[in-house]
Structure formats: C-alpha cells, structure tokens
Amino acid sequence: MSNENITQRYIEVTAHDLPLTCPMPGMSLWNAHPKVMIPLNHGGEARCPYCGTLYKFKGELPKAHH
C-alpha cells in the first residue's frame, strides 16, 4: 500500500493486508490514532471505530479468516 493520508474514508484491502489494522502500514502517522485491529464482517466490510474509514475486502475472504 502506498503512503496515504489517514483521512481517506474508503480503502479496498486484499488478503495481503490481513490481519487488518488501522492505521495501515504506509499511512501518514503525523495525525494518526492508536493502532486498532479491524475485524471484517461476513460481507468483507468494517469501519474503524476511531476515524471511521471504511475497509472493503476485494476478492474472496481466505477460508481461515473468521
């Protein structure tokens, strides 16, 4: 993932990004909140409780992912 600003509100993620955390590696940290694990729901979506960024999984979730 490229260096992105934490104010981005929508991010597509892949299996490479799991386990998912916010802020993600590569995001600008000067205005970041504490690192938090983001569990994806069965639809492959989740929202960060701190900044509200919506994460959507692109592709099929790995079978081992709960």
N, C-alpha and C. Protein backbone atom coordinates (compact mmCIF):
# COMPACT_ATOMS: atom_id res chain seq x y z
N MET A 1 0.85 -1.18 0.00
CA MET A 1 0.00 0.00 0.00
C MET A 1 0.89 1.23 0.00
N SER A 2 0.52 2.21 -0.78
CA SER A 2 1.30 3.44 -0.86
C SER A 2 1.09 4.30 0.38
N ASN A 3 1.93 5.31 0.53
CA ASN A 3 1.82 6.22 1.67
C ASN A 3 0.57 7.07 1.47
N GLU A 4 -0.45 6.83 2.30
CA GLU A 4 -1.73 7.53 2.17
C GLU A 4 -2.03 8.31 3.44
N ASN A 5 -2.84 9.31 3.31
CA ASN A 5 -3.24 10.13 4.44
C ASN A 5 -4.33 9.40 5.22
N ILE A 6 -4.29 9.46 6.54
CA ILE A 6 -5.24 8.77 7.41
C ILE A 6 -6.66 9.29 7.23
N THR A 7 -6.85 10.43 6.57
CA THR A 7 -8.19 10.98 6.40
C THR A 7 -8.94 10.33 5.26
N GLN A 8 -8.31 9.42 4.51
CA GLN A 8 -9.02 8.71 3.46
C GLN A 8 -10.17 7.93 4.09
N ARG A 9 -11.33 7.95 3.50
CA ARG A 9 -12.51 7.36 4.12
C ARG A 9 -12.88 5.98 3.58
N TYR A 10 -12.27 5.53 2.49
CA TYR A 10 -12.61 4.23 1.89
C TYR A 10 -11.34 3.58 1.38
N ILE A 11 -11.08 2.34 1.80
CA ILE A 11 -9.88 1.64 1.36
C ILE A 11 -10.27 0.21 1.01
N GLU A 12 -9.87 -0.25 -0.20
CA GLU A 12 -10.04 -1.65 -0.57
C GLU A 12 -8.82 -2.41 -0.08
N VAL A 13 -9.06 -3.57 0.53
CA VAL A 13 -7.96 -4.38 1.06
C VAL A 13 -8.01 -5.77 0.44
N THR A 14 -6.88 -6.46 0.47
CA THR A 14 -6.78 -7.83 -0.05
C THR A 14 -6.24 -8.74 1.04
N ALA A 15 -6.08 -10.00 0.72
CA ALA A 15 -5.55 -10.97 1.68
C ALA A 15 -4.16 -10.57 2.15
N HIS A 16 -3.43 -9.86 1.32
CA HIS A 16 -2.09 -9.39 1.69
C HIS A 16 -2.14 -8.44 2.89
N ASP A 17 -3.25 -7.73 3.08
CA ASP A 17 -3.39 -6.73 4.15
C ASP A 17 -3.84 -7.34 5.48
N LEU A 18 -4.17 -8.63 5.50
CA LEU A 18 -4.63 -9.28 6.74
C LEU A 18 -3.46 -9.72 7.59
N PRO A 19 -3.53 -9.66 8.90
CA PRO A 19 -4.64 -9.10 9.67
C PRO A 19 -4.72 -7.59 9.48
N LEU A 20 -5.92 -7.07 9.42
CA LEU A 20 -6.18 -5.68 9.11
C LEU A 20 -6.07 -4.81 10.36
N THR A 21 -5.31 -3.74 10.25
CA THR A 21 -5.19 -2.76 11.33
C THR A 21 -5.40 -1.36 10.76
N CYS A 22 -5.80 -0.46 11.60
CA CYS A 22 -5.92 0.95 11.22
C CYS A 22 -5.17 1.75 12.29
N PRO A 23 -4.28 2.64 11.93
CA PRO A 23 -3.86 2.95 10.56
C PRO A 23 -3.05 1.80 9.98
N MET A 24 -3.14 1.66 8.65
CA MET A 24 -2.42 0.61 7.94
C MET A 24 -0.95 1.02 7.78
N PRO A 25 -0.07 0.04 7.63
CA PRO A 25 1.34 0.37 7.35
C PRO A 25 1.41 1.23 6.10
N GLY A 26 2.24 2.23 6.12
CA GLY A 26 2.39 3.11 4.97
C GLY A 26 1.53 4.37 5.04
N MET A 27 0.61 4.44 5.98
CA MET A 27 -0.20 5.65 6.13
C MET A 27 0.60 6.70 6.88
N SER A 28 0.32 7.95 6.59
CA SER A 28 0.97 9.05 7.31
C SER A 28 0.60 8.96 8.78
N LEU A 29 1.59 9.03 9.65
CA LEU A 29 1.32 8.86 11.07
C LEU A 29 1.27 10.16 11.85
N TRP A 30 1.52 11.29 11.22
CA TRP A 30 1.54 12.55 11.96
C TRP A 30 0.18 12.88 12.57
N ASN A 31 -0.90 12.39 11.99
CA ASN A 31 -2.23 12.68 12.53
C ASN A 31 -2.99 11.40 12.85
N ALA A 32 -2.26 10.30 13.08
CA ALA A 32 -2.90 9.00 13.27
C ALA A 32 -3.40 8.79 14.69
N HIS A 33 -4.36 7.90 14.81
CA HIS A 33 -4.89 7.48 16.11
C HIS A 33 -4.16 6.22 16.55
N PRO A 34 -4.44 5.71 17.76
CA PRO A 34 -3.80 4.46 18.19
C PRO A 34 -4.12 3.31 17.23
N LYS A 35 -3.19 2.39 17.08
CA LYS A 35 -3.38 1.25 16.19
C LYS A 35 -4.45 0.34 16.77
N VAL A 36 -5.39 -0.07 15.91
CA VAL A 36 -6.50 -0.92 16.33
C VAL A 36 -6.70 -2.02 15.29
N MET A 37 -7.00 -3.23 15.76
CA MET A 37 -7.32 -4.34 14.87
C MET A 37 -8.73 -4.14 14.32
N ILE A 38 -8.91 -4.40 13.04
CA ILE A 38 -10.21 -4.22 12.39
C ILE A 38 -10.70 -5.59 11.92
N PRO A 39 -11.69 -6.18 12.61
CA PRO A 39 -12.23 -7.46 12.15
C PRO A 39 -13.23 -7.23 11.02
N LEU A 40 -13.08 -7.97 9.93
CA LEU A 40 -14.01 -7.85 8.81
C LEU A 40 -15.24 -8.69 9.10
N ASN A 41 -16.42 -8.16 8.78
CA ASN A 41 -17.64 -8.93 8.97
C ASN A 41 -17.80 -9.92 7.82
N HIS A 42 -18.84 -10.69 7.82
CA HIS A 42 -19.02 -11.73 6.80
C HIS A 42 -19.19 -11.15 5.40
N GLY A 43 -19.54 -9.90 5.29
CA GLY A 43 -19.65 -9.25 3.98
C GLY A 43 -18.33 -8.67 3.52
N GLY A 44 -17.28 -8.80 4.35
CA GLY A 44 -15.98 -8.29 3.96
C GLY A 44 -15.82 -6.80 4.15
N GLU A 45 -16.61 -6.22 5.06
CA GLU A 45 -16.53 -4.79 5.34
C GLU A 45 -16.32 -4.54 6.83
N ALA A 46 -15.68 -3.42 7.12
CA ALA A 46 -15.52 -3.00 8.51
C ALA A 46 -15.20 -1.52 8.53
N ARG A 47 -15.56 -0.87 9.62
CA ARG A 47 -15.30 0.55 9.79
C ARG A 47 -14.43 0.75 11.02
N CYS A 48 -13.42 1.61 10.91
CA CYS A 48 -12.55 1.91 12.04
C CYS A 48 -13.34 2.70 13.09
N PRO A 49 -13.29 2.27 14.36
CA PRO A 49 -14.02 2.99 15.40
C PRO A 49 -13.42 4.35 15.72
N TYR A 50 -12.17 4.59 15.36
CA TYR A 50 -11.53 5.88 15.65
C TYR A 50 -11.79 6.91 14.56
N CYS A 51 -11.45 6.56 13.31
CA CYS A 51 -11.50 7.57 12.24
C CYS A 51 -12.66 7.38 11.28
N GLY A 52 -13.35 6.23 11.36
CA GLY A 52 -14.50 6.00 10.50
C GLY A 52 -14.16 5.51 9.11
N THR A 53 -12.89 5.25 8.81
CA THR A 53 -12.52 4.75 7.49
C THR A 53 -13.21 3.41 7.25
N LEU A 54 -13.81 3.28 6.06
CA LEU A 54 -14.47 2.04 5.67
C LEU A 54 -13.48 1.18 4.92
N TYR A 55 -13.32 -0.06 5.37
CA TYR A 55 -12.45 -1.02 4.71
C TYR A 55 -13.34 -2.05 4.03
N LYS A 56 -13.08 -2.31 2.75
CA LYS A 56 -13.83 -3.32 2.00
C LYS A 56 -12.83 -4.30 1.41
N PHE A 57 -13.10 -5.58 1.66
CA PHE A 57 -12.23 -6.63 1.15
C PHE A 57 -12.53 -6.85 -0.32
N LYS A 58 -11.49 -6.87 -1.13
CA LYS A 58 -11.62 -7.09 -2.57
C LYS A 58 -11.24 -8.53 -2.86
N GLY A 59 -12.16 -9.30 -3.41
CA GLY A 59 -11.92 -10.70 -3.69
C GLY A 59 -12.63 -11.57 -2.67
N GLU A 60 -12.22 -12.83 -2.64
CA GLU A 60 -12.84 -13.78 -1.70
C GLU A 60 -12.03 -13.84 -0.42
N LEU A 61 -12.72 -13.76 0.71
CA LEU A 61 -12.04 -13.85 2.00
C LEU A 61 -11.36 -15.21 2.15
N PRO A 62 -10.16 -15.24 2.70
CA PRO A 62 -9.50 -16.53 2.93
C PRO A 62 -10.35 -17.42 3.83
N LYS A 63 -10.31 -18.72 3.62
CA LYS A 63 -11.13 -19.65 4.39
C LYS A 63 -10.82 -19.63 5.87
N ALA A 64 -9.58 -19.37 6.25
CA ALA A 64 -9.20 -19.37 7.65
C ALA A 64 -9.60 -18.09 8.37
N HIS A 65 -10.09 -17.08 7.64
CA HIS A 65 -10.50 -15.81 8.24
C HIS A 65 -11.87 -15.94 8.85
N HIS A 66 -12.05 -15.51 10.09
CA HIS A 66 -13.34 -15.62 10.79
C HIS A 66 -14.08 -14.32 10.68
